Amino acid sequence: MYPIDLSGKKGIVFGVANDRSIAWAISKLLAESGARLAFTYQNERLKDRVDKLAGTLDGAITLECDASNDDQIANVFDEVKSEFGEISFLIHSIAFANKDDLQGNFSDTGREGFRLALEISAFSLLPLVKHAAPLMSDGGSILTMTFDASQKVYPGYNIMGTAKAALEHEVRQLASEFGESNIRVNAISAGPLDTLAARGISGFLDMKKVHAEKSPLNRNINAEEVAKTALFLCSDMSSGITGAIIPVDAGYHIMAV
């Protein structure tokens, strides 16, 4: 167990797709530190996969939730309230864009592709926070996942970079809005990791190679490093941090490359 103790704390995780998901690495460490978790799955196709992972953790529950469906979102939080009473943290690790919109000319992005990427990857945070806040009567921590493409041009990222830029602004807006309720809202900007989603990014291996060569630590990061940062941000040890974008990228973000 890590020195941060989350015994008695409860939280909900959106975005676990498989055992290589960043959200799963975070979830395992939160559970190892004593937290009890609720997981959502998008549809029946993913249910068995998420159920299997959740089954390895004590007291975890799973709930269906398509982040584009307001009724399902409301139902998830009703069920979490019934099962947990209150929660202390929420992890938002949801992102999606059509594969065709992650390559080619950015100016070719269609209206529907733009809307879809922004709705799933950025807008989805808003209703989750709105529903979570009433279950955080003693304050809490909201954490989402972003990437350096919010600020810079990365080949193969296109519309997702725009979505991450919107997401980061939401972090600041929400931190301001919910600060008086002692609810902190932050994001982790992780370096490239081998996830299922990363496989859909053209030139991903080249991206990893450049990060390892150019970052001050001369290497890539691993999922556990992201998870440890998430654990800190979900704990009372980060009580003075909100509205922040925390880079976990071996220092790559500081380099003029």
C-alpha atoms as a PDB file:
ATOM      1  CA  MET A   1       0.000   0.000   0.000  1.00  0.00           C
ATOM      2  CA  TYR A   2       1.190   3.516  -0.785  1.00  0.00           C
ATOM      3  CA  PRO A   3       1.589   5.950   2.130  1.00  0.00           C
ATOM      4  CA  ILE A   4      -1.542   7.823   1.009  1.00  0.00           C
ATOM      5  CA  ASP A   5      -4.510   6.187   2.747  1.00  0.00           C
ATOM      6  CA  LEU A   6      -7.923   6.471   1.084  1.00  0.00           C
ATOM      7  CA  SER A   7      -9.655   4.044   3.437  1.00  0.00           C
ATOM      8  CA  GLY A   8     -13.338   4.915   3.673  1.00  0.00           C
ATOM      9  CA  LYS A   9     -13.229   7.034   0.525  1.00  0.00           C
ATOM     10  CA  LYS A  10     -15.450   6.238  -2.432  1.00  0.00           C
ATOM     11  CA  GLY A  11     -15.327   7.372  -6.032  1.00  0.00           C
ATOM     12  CA  ILE A  12     -16.511   6.763  -9.565  1.00  0.00           C
ATOM     13  CA  VAL A  13     -14.347   6.116 -12.622  1.00  0.00           C
ATOM     14  CA  PHE A  14     -15.469   6.833 -16.181  1.00  0.00           C
ATOM     15  CA  GLY A  15     -13.363   5.480 -19.016  1.00  0.00           C
ATOM     16  CA  VAL A  16     -11.983   2.048 -18.150  1.00  0.00           C
ATOM     17  CA  ALA A  17     -12.030   0.126 -21.421  1.00  0.00           C
ATOM     18  CA  ASN A  18      -9.434  -2.600 -20.791  1.00  0.00           C
ATOM     19  CA  ASP A  19      -6.493  -3.463 -18.576  1.00  0.00           C
ATOM     20  CA  ARG A  20      -4.181  -1.114 -20.506  1.00  0.00           C
ATOM     21  CA  SER A  21      -6.377   1.937 -19.962  1.00  0.00           C
ATOM     22  CA  ILE A  22      -4.874   4.834 -18.044  1.00  0.00           C
ATOM     23  CA  ALA A  23      -8.106   4.851 -16.044  1.00  0.00           C
ATOM     24  CA  TRP A  24      -7.488   1.253 -14.990  1.00  0.00           C
ATOM     25  CA  ALA A  25      -3.939   1.977 -13.817  1.00  0.00           C
ATOM     26  CA  ILE A  26      -5.358   4.825 -11.735  1.00  0.00           C
ATOM     27  CA  SER A  27      -8.190   2.664 -10.422  1.00  0.00           C
ATOM     28  CA  LYS A  28      -5.904  -0.121  -9.244  1.00  0.00           C
ATOM     29  CA  LEU A  29      -3.779   2.283  -7.234  1.00  0.00           C
ATOM     30  CA  LEU A  30      -6.787   4.039  -5.717  1.00  0.00           C
ATOM     31  CA  ALA A  31      -8.183   0.653  -4.685  1.00  0.00           C
ATOM     32  CA  GLU A  32      -4.832  -0.491  -3.289  1.00  0.00           C
ATOM     33  CA  SER A  33      -4.867   2.678  -1.182  1.00  0.00           C
ATOM     34  CA  GLY A  34      -8.209   1.740   0.348  1.00  0.00           C
ATOM     35  CA  ALA A  35     -10.805   3.424  -1.865  1.00  0.00           C
ATOM     36  CA  ARG A  36     -14.002   1.749  -2.996  1.00  0.00           C
ATOM     37  CA  LEU A  37     -14.853   2.302  -6.655  1.00  0.00           C
ATOM     38  CA  ALA A  38     -17.772   2.394  -9.061  1.00  0.00           C
ATOM     39  CA  PHE A  39     -16.976   1.844 -12.746  1.00  0.00           C
ATOM     40  CA  THR A  40     -19.054   2.671 -15.772  1.00  0.00           C
ATOM     41  CA  TYR A  41     -19.154   0.865 -19.089  1.00  0.00           C
ATOM     42  CA  GLN A  42     -20.488   2.375 -22.301  1.00  0.00           C
ATOM     43  CA  ASN A  43     -22.673  -0.488 -23.511  1.00  0.00           C
ATOM     44  CA  GLU A  44     -23.320  -4.214 -23.261  1.00  0.00           C
ATOM     45  CA  ARG A  45     -20.420  -4.936 -25.615  1.00  0.00           C
ATOM     46  CA  LEU A  46     -17.982  -3.640 -22.984  1.00  0.00           C
ATOM     47  CA  LYS A  47     -19.840  -4.868 -19.895  1.00  0.00           C
ATOM     48  CA  ASP A  48     -18.090  -8.218 -19.471  1.00  0.00           C
ATOM     49  CA  ARG A  49     -14.664  -6.653 -19.888  1.00  0.00           C
ATOM     50  CA  VAL A  50     -15.279  -3.993 -17.225  1.00  0.00           C
ATOM     51  CA  ASP A  51     -17.066  -6.447 -14.917  1.00  0.00           C
ATOM     52  CA  LYS A  52     -14.046  -8.747 -15.048  1.00  0.00           C
ATOM     53  CA  LEU A  53     -11.645  -5.967 -14.096  1.00  0.00           C
ATOM     54  CA  ALA A  54     -13.917  -4.613 -11.364  1.00  0.00           C
ATOM     55  CA  GLY A  55     -14.242  -8.121  -9.975  1.00  0.00           C
ATOM     56  CA  THR A  56     -10.567  -8.059  -8.998  1.00  0.00           C
ATOM     57  CA  LEU A  57     -11.191  -5.176  -6.568  1.00  0.00           C
ATOM     58  CA  ASP A  58     -12.991  -5.420  -3.230  1.00  0.00           C
ATOM     59  CA  GLY A  59     -16.444  -3.886  -3.190  1.00  0.00           C
ATOM     60  CA  ALA A  60     -16.329  -2.437  -6.714  1.00  0.00           C
ATOM     61  CA  ILE A  61     -19.547  -2.025  -8.670  1.00  0.00           C
ATOM     62  CA  THR A  62     -20.224  -1.471 -12.373  1.00  0.00           C
ATOM     63  CA  LEU A  63     -22.920   0.611 -14.026  1.00  0.00           C
ATOM     64  CA  GLU A  64     -23.899   1.222 -17.625  1.00  0.00           C
ATOM     65  CA  CYS A  65     -23.365   4.765 -18.851  1.00  0.00           C
ATOM     66  CA  ASP A  66     -23.085   6.193 -22.332  1.00  0.00           C
ATOM     67  CA  ALA A  67     -21.606   9.635 -21.692  1.00  0.00           C
ATOM     68  CA  SER A  68     -23.730  11.083 -24.497  1.00  0.00           C
ATOM     69  CA  ASN A  69     -26.960   9.978 -22.809  1.00  0.00           C
ATOM     70  CA  ASP A  70     -28.220  12.383 -20.125  1.00  0.00           C
ATOM     71  CA  ASP A  71     -30.703   9.884 -18.700  1.00  0.00           C
ATOM     72  CA  GLN A  72     -28.004   7.249 -18.224  1.00  0.00           C
ATOM     73  CA  ILE A  73     -25.719   9.796 -16.558  1.00  0.00           C
ATOM     74  CA  ALA A  74     -28.453  10.782 -14.117  1.00  0.00           C
ATOM     75  CA  ASN A  75     -29.224   7.123 -13.418  1.00  0.00           C
ATOM     76  CA  VAL A  76     -25.588   6.319 -12.667  1.00  0.00           C
ATOM     77  CA  PHE A  77     -25.394   8.975  -9.986  1.00  0.00           C
ATOM     78  CA  ASP A  78     -28.730   7.900  -8.505  1.00  0.00           C
ATOM     79  CA  GLU A  79     -27.373   4.360  -8.195  1.00  0.00           C
ATOM     80  CA  VAL A  80     -24.047   5.551  -6.793  1.00  0.00           C
ATOM     81  CA  LYS A  81     -25.887   7.648  -4.212  1.00  0.00           C
ATOM     82  CA  SER A  82     -27.964   4.618  -3.240  1.00  0.00           C
ATOM     83  CA  GLU A  83     -24.910   2.336  -2.977  1.00  0.00           C
ATOM     84  CA  PHE A  84     -22.230   4.701  -1.644  1.00  0.00           C
ATOM     85  CA  GLY A  85     -24.126   7.609  -0.116  1.00  0.00           C
ATOM     86  CA  GLU A  86     -21.402  10.121  -0.886  1.00  0.00           C
ATOM     87  CA  ILE A  87     -18.249  10.151  -2.992  1.00  0.00           C
ATOM     88  CA  SER A  88     -14.879  11.828  -2.585  1.00  0.00           C
ATOM     89  CA  PHE A  89     -13.555  11.770  -6.145  1.00  0.00           C
ATOM     90  CA  LEU A  90     -14.442  11.299  -9.781  1.00  0.00           C
ATOM     91  CA  ILE A  91     -12.131  10.249 -12.618  1.00  0.00           C
ATOM     92  CA  HIS A  92     -13.052  11.364 -16.148  1.00  0.00           C
ATOM     93  CA  SER A  93     -10.997   9.504 -18.755  1.00  0.00           C
ATOM     94  CA  ILE A  94     -13.331   9.642 -21.739  1.00  0.00           C
ATOM     95  CA  ALA A  95     -12.312  10.651 -25.258  1.00  0.00           C
ATOM     96  CA  PHE A  96     -13.396   9.763 -28.769  1.00  0.00           C
ATOM     97  CA  ALA A  97     -13.084  11.027 -32.331  1.00  0.00           C
ATOM     98  CA  ASN A  98     -13.710   9.404 -35.671  1.00  0.00           C
ATOM     99  CA  LYS A  99     -10.497   7.851 -36.960  1.00  0.00           C
ATOM    100  CA  ASP A 100     -10.805   9.803 -40.211  1.00  0.00           C
ATOM    101  CA  ASP A 101     -10.733  13.030 -38.207  1.00  0.00           C
ATOM    102  CA  LEU A 102      -7.403  12.128 -36.601  1.00  0.00           C
ATOM    103  CA  GLN A 103      -5.503  12.197 -39.884  1.00  0.00           C
ATOM    104  CA  GLY A 104      -5.310  14.164 -43.096  1.00  0.00           C
ATOM    105  CA  ASN A 105      -5.951  17.885 -43.255  1.00  0.00           C
ATOM    106  CA  PHE A 106      -7.445  19.411 -40.144  1.00  0.00           C
ATOM    107  CA  SER A 107      -9.500  21.754 -42.342  1.00  0.00           C
ATOM    108  CA  ASP A 108     -11.296  18.709 -43.743  1.00  0.00           C
ATOM    109  CA  THR A 109     -12.871  17.976 -40.359  1.00  0.00           C
ATOM    110  CA  GLY A 110     -16.618  17.755 -40.892  1.00  0.00           C
ATOM    111  CA  ARG A 111     -19.252  19.425 -38.758  1.00  0.00           C
ATOM    112  CA  GLU A 112     -20.498  16.128 -37.331  1.00  0.00           C
ATOM    113  CA  GLY A 113     -16.989  14.833 -36.618  1.00  0.00           C
ATOM    114  CA  PHE A 114     -16.122  18.075 -34.834  1.00  0.00           C
ATOM    115  CA  ARG A 115     -19.308  17.939 -32.777  1.00  0.00           C
ATOM    116  CA  LEU A 116     -18.788  14.285 -31.836  1.00  0.00           C
ATOM    117  CA  ALA A 117     -15.195  14.748 -30.676  1.00  0.00           C
ATOM    118  CA  LEU A 118     -16.027  17.818 -28.606  1.00  0.00           C
ATOM    119  CA  GLU A 119     -19.174  16.296 -27.115  1.00  0.00           C
ATOM    120  CA  ILE A 120     -17.593  13.039 -25.970  1.00  0.00           C
ATOM    121  CA  SER A 121     -14.084  14.248 -25.114  1.00  0.00           C
ATOM    122  CA  ALA A 122     -14.865  17.644 -23.569  1.00  0.00           C
ATOM    123  CA  PHE A 123     -18.547  18.351 -22.953  1.00  0.00           C
ATOM    124  CA  SER A 124     -19.025  15.041 -21.133  1.00  0.00           C
ATOM    125  CA  LEU A 125     -17.118  16.386 -18.135  1.00  0.00           C
ATOM    126  CA  LEU A 126     -19.777  19.038 -17.447  1.00  0.00           C
ATOM    127  CA  PRO A 127     -22.796  16.830 -16.636  1.00  0.00           C
ATOM    128  CA  LEU A 128     -20.593  14.438 -14.658  1.00  0.00           C
ATOM    129  CA  VAL A 129     -19.343  17.230 -12.405  1.00  0.00           C
ATOM    130  CA  LYS A 130     -22.825  18.707 -12.083  1.00  0.00           C
ATOM    131  CA  HIS A 131     -24.207  15.369 -10.871  1.00  0.00           C
ATOM    132  CA  ALA A 132     -21.191  14.510  -8.724  1.00  0.00           C
ATOM    133  CA  ALA A 133     -21.073  17.777  -6.781  1.00  0.00           C
ATOM    134  CA  PRO A 134     -24.192  17.093  -4.652  1.00  0.00           C
ATOM    135  CA  LEU A 135     -22.589  13.800  -3.555  1.00  0.00           C
ATOM    136  CA  MET A 136     -19.470  15.654  -2.355  1.00  0.00           C
ATOM    137  CA  SER A 137     -20.902  17.437   0.683  1.00  0.00           C
ATOM    138  CA  ASP A 138     -17.502  17.409   2.388  1.00  0.00           C
ATOM    139  CA  GLY A 139     -15.655  18.472  -0.749  1.00  0.00           C
ATOM    140  CA  GLY A 140     -13.906  16.280  -3.245  1.00  0.00           C
ATOM    141  CA  SER A 141     -11.622  15.905  -6.220  1.00  0.00           C
ATOM    142  CA  ILE A 142     -12.480  15.794  -9.922  1.00  0.00           C
ATOM    143  CA  LEU A 143      -9.734  14.587 -12.238  1.00  0.00           C
ATOM    144  CA  THR A 144      -9.636  14.428 -16.035  1.00  0.00           C
ATOM    145  CA  MET A 145      -7.021  13.422 -18.586  1.00  0.00           C
ATOM    146  CA  THR A 146      -5.493  15.687 -21.224  1.00  0.00           C
ATOM    147  CA  PHE A 147      -2.491  15.786 -23.557  1.00  0.00           C
ATOM    148  CA  ASP A 148       0.083  18.304 -24.810  1.00  0.00           C
ATOM    149  CA  ALA A 149      -1.721  18.447 -28.180  1.00  0.00           C
ATOM    150  CA  SER A 150      -4.069  20.930 -26.496  1.00  0.00           C
ATOM    151  CA  GLN A 151      -1.284  23.497 -26.889  1.00  0.00           C
ATOM    152  CA  LYS A 152       0.805  22.228 -29.796  1.00  0.00           C
ATOM    153  CA  VAL A 153       0.291  20.596 -33.172  1.00  0.00           C
ATOM    154  CA  TYR A 154       0.786  16.819 -33.130  1.00  0.00           C
ATOM    155  CA  PRO A 155       0.460  14.878 -36.387  1.00  0.00           C
ATOM    156  CA  GLY A 156      -2.333  12.366 -36.081  1.00  0.00           C
ATOM    157  CA  TYR A 157      -4.160  14.255 -33.318  1.00  0.00           C
ATOM    158  CA  ASN A 158      -6.079  16.926 -35.236  1.00  0.00           C
ATOM    159  CA  ILE A 159      -9.561  17.416 -33.750  1.00  0.00           C
ATOM    160  CA  MET A 160      -8.599  15.682 -30.513  1.00  0.00           C
ATOM    161  CA  GLY A 161      -6.140  18.496 -29.808  1.00  0.00           C
ATOM    162  CA  THR A 162      -9.022  20.954 -30.126  1.00  0.00           C
ATOM    163  CA  ALA A 163     -11.129  18.829 -27.785  1.00  0.00           C
ATOM    164  CA  LYS A 164      -8.344  18.685 -25.197  1.00  0.00           C
ATOM    165  CA  ALA A 165      -7.932  22.464 -25.373  1.00  0.00           C
ATOM    166  CA  ALA A 166     -11.640  22.825 -24.605  1.00  0.00           C
ATOM    167  CA  LEU A 167     -11.347  20.282 -21.801  1.00  0.00           C
ATOM    168  CA  GLU A 168      -8.514  22.209 -20.152  1.00  0.00           C
ATOM    169  CA  HIS A 169     -10.526  25.415 -20.207  1.00  0.00           C
ATOM    170  CA  GLU A 170     -13.412  23.538 -18.606  1.00  0.00           C
ATOM    171  CA  VAL A 171     -11.062  22.488 -15.802  1.00  0.00           C
ATOM    172  CA  ARG A 172     -10.382  26.142 -15.016  1.00  0.00           C
ATOM    173  CA  GLN A 173     -14.033  27.171 -15.299  1.00  0.00           C
ATOM    174  CA  LEU A 174     -15.240  24.301 -13.117  1.00  0.00           C
ATOM    175  CA  ALA A 175     -12.492  24.856 -10.549  1.00  0.00           C
ATOM    176  CA  SER A 176     -13.695  28.436 -10.185  1.00  0.00           C
ATOM    177  CA  GLU A 177     -17.363  27.479  -9.999  1.00  0.00           C
ATOM    178  CA  PHE A 178     -17.066  24.660  -7.466  1.00  0.00           C
ATOM    179  CA  GLY A 179     -14.197  25.969  -5.359  1.00  0.00           C
ATOM    180  CA  GLU A 180     -16.576  27.411  -2.775  1.00  0.00           C
ATOM    181  CA  SER A 181     -17.893  23.871  -2.292  1.00  0.00           C
ATOM    182  CA  ASN A 182     -14.321  22.662  -1.622  1.00  0.00           C
ATOM    183  CA  ILE A 183     -14.425  20.612  -4.798  1.00  0.00           C
ATOM    184  CA  ARG A 184     -11.125  20.645  -6.673  1.00  0.00           C
ATOM    185  CA  VAL A 185     -10.929  20.123 -10.438  1.00  0.00           C
ATOM    186  CA  ASN A 186      -7.622  19.249 -12.093  1.00  0.00           C
ATOM    187  CA  ALA A 187      -6.199  17.485 -15.132  1.00  0.00           C
ATOM    188  CA  ILE A 188      -3.174  15.291 -15.773  1.00  0.00           C
ATOM    189  CA  SER A 189      -1.379  15.871 -19.064  1.00  0.00           C
ATOM    190  CA  ALA A 190       0.278  12.521 -19.640  1.00  0.00           C
ATOM    191  CA  GLY A 191       3.020  11.718 -22.098  1.00  0.00           C
ATOM    192  CA  PRO A 192       2.401   9.035 -24.738  1.00  0.00           C
ATOM    193  CA  LEU A 193       1.395   5.660 -23.302  1.00  0.00           C
ATOM    194  CA  ASP A 194       0.651   2.345 -25.004  1.00  0.00           C
ATOM    195  CA  THR A 195      -3.116   2.237 -24.728  1.00  0.00           C
ATOM    196  CA  LEU A 196      -5.764   0.914 -27.086  1.00  0.00           C
ATOM    197  CA  ALA A 197      -6.722   4.482 -27.981  1.00  0.00           C
ATOM    198  CA  ALA A 198      -3.097   5.354 -28.802  1.00  0.00           C
ATOM    199  CA  ARG A 199      -3.037   2.686 -31.477  1.00  0.00           C
ATOM    200  CA  GLY A 200      -5.425   4.784 -33.506  1.00  0.00           C
ATOM    201  CA  ILE A 201      -3.006   7.723 -33.653  1.00  0.00           C
ATOM    202  CA  SER A 202      -0.967   7.845 -36.845  1.00  0.00           C
ATOM    203  CA  GLY A 203       2.739   8.101 -36.039  1.00  0.00           C
ATOM    204  CA  PHE A 204       2.309   7.146 -32.383  1.00  0.00           C
ATOM    205  CA  LEU A 205       5.566   5.176 -32.258  1.00  0.00           C
ATOM    206  CA  ASP A 206       7.432   8.146 -33.707  1.00  0.00           C
ATOM    207  CA  MET A 207       5.826  10.338 -31.058  1.00  0.00           C
ATOM    208  CA  LYS A 208       7.080   8.048 -28.298  1.00  0.00           C
ATOM    209  CA  LYS A 209      10.561   8.012 -29.784  1.00  0.00           C
ATOM    210  CA  VAL A 210      10.757  11.808 -29.936  1.00  0.00           C
ATOM    211  CA  HIS A 211       9.465  12.174 -26.380  1.00  0.00           C
ATOM    212  CA  ALA A 212      12.078   9.751 -25.076  1.00  0.00           C
ATOM    213  CA  GLU A 213      14.878  11.512 -26.944  1.00  0.00           C
ATOM    214  CA  LYS A 214      13.905  15.090 -26.140  1.00  0.00           C
ATOM    215  CA  SER A 215      12.475  14.953 -22.609  1.00  0.00           C
ATOM    216  CA  PRO A 216      14.806  15.984 -19.758  1.00  0.00           C
ATOM    217  CA  LEU A 217      14.526  12.521 -18.217  1.00  0.00           C
ATOM    218  CA  ASN A 218      15.433  10.943 -21.584  1.00  0.00           C
ATOM    219  CA  ARG A 219      12.662   8.369 -21.427  1.00  0.00           C
ATOM    220  CA  ASN A 220       8.959   7.783 -21.740  1.00  0.00           C
ATOM    221  CA  ILE A 221       6.670   7.638 -18.766  1.00  0.00           C
ATOM    222  CA  ASN A 222       4.687   4.635 -17.583  1.00  0.00           C
ATOM    223  CA  ALA A 223       1.080   4.281 -16.478  1.00  0.00           C
ATOM    224  CA  GLU A 224       2.023   3.857 -12.823  1.00  0.00           C
ATOM    225  CA  GLU A 225       3.553   7.336 -12.817  1.00  0.00           C
ATOM    226  CA  VAL A 226       0.262   8.773 -14.013  1.00  0.00           C
ATOM    227  CA  ALA A 227      -1.596   6.704 -11.421  1.00  0.00           C
ATOM    228  CA  LYS A 228       0.588   7.952  -8.571  1.00  0.00           C
ATOM    229  CA  THR A 229      -0.091  11.550  -9.582  1.00  0.00           C
ATOM    230  CA  ALA A 230      -3.812  10.779  -9.718  1.00  0.00           C
ATOM    231  CA  LEU A 231      -3.641   9.228  -6.248  1.00  0.00           C
ATOM    232  CA  PHE A 232      -2.045  12.399  -4.919  1.00  0.00           C
ATOM    233  CA  LEU A 233      -4.670  14.604  -6.613  1.00  0.00           C
ATOM    234  CA  CYS A 234      -7.511  12.481  -5.219  1.00  0.00           C
ATOM    235  CA  SER A 235      -6.131  12.674  -1.712  1.00  0.00           C
ATOM    236  CA  ASP A 236      -6.172  15.406   0.915  1.00  0.00           C
ATOM    237  CA  MET A 237      -2.453  15.924   0.288  1.00  0.00           C
ATOM    238  CA  SER A 238      -3.420  18.012  -2.753  1.00  0.00           C
ATOM    239  CA  SER A 239      -5.970  20.088  -0.849  1.00  0.00           C
ATOM    240  CA  GLY A 240      -4.535  23.390  -2.113  1.00  0.00           C
ATOM    241  CA  ILE A 241      -4.441  22.464  -5.806  1.00  0.00           C
ATOM    242  CA  THR A 242      -7.289  23.210  -8.205  1.00  0.00           C
ATOM    243  CA  GLY A 243      -7.654  24.400 -11.783  1.00  0.00           C
ATOM    244  CA  ALA A 244      -4.248  22.916 -12.602  1.00  0.00           C
ATOM    245  CA  ILE A 245      -2.961  20.981 -15.591  1.00  0.00           C
ATOM    246  CA  ILE A 246      -0.286  18.695 -14.130  1.00  0.00           C
ATOM    247  CA  PRO A 247       2.214  17.385 -16.714  1.00  0.00           C
ATOM    248  CA  VAL A 248       3.428  13.810 -16.257  1.00  0.00           C
ATOM    249  CA  ASP A 249       5.596  13.582 -19.346  1.00  0.00           C
ATOM    250  CA  ALA A 250       9.217  13.238 -18.187  1.00  0.00           C
ATOM    251  CA  GLY A 251       9.513  16.995 -18.664  1.00  0.00           C
ATOM    252  CA  TYR A 252       8.872  17.040 -22.406  1.00  0.00           C
ATOM    253  CA  HIS A 253       6.521  20.021 -22.153  1.00  0.00           C
ATOM    254  CA  ILE A 254       9.337  22.417 -21.162  1.00  0.00           C
ATOM    255  CA  MET A 255      11.467  21.713 -24.225  1.00  0.00           C
ATOM    256  CA  ALA A 256      11.488  23.913 -27.343  1.00  0.00           C
ATOM    257  CA  VAL A 257      11.382  21.040 -29.831  1.00  0.00           C
END
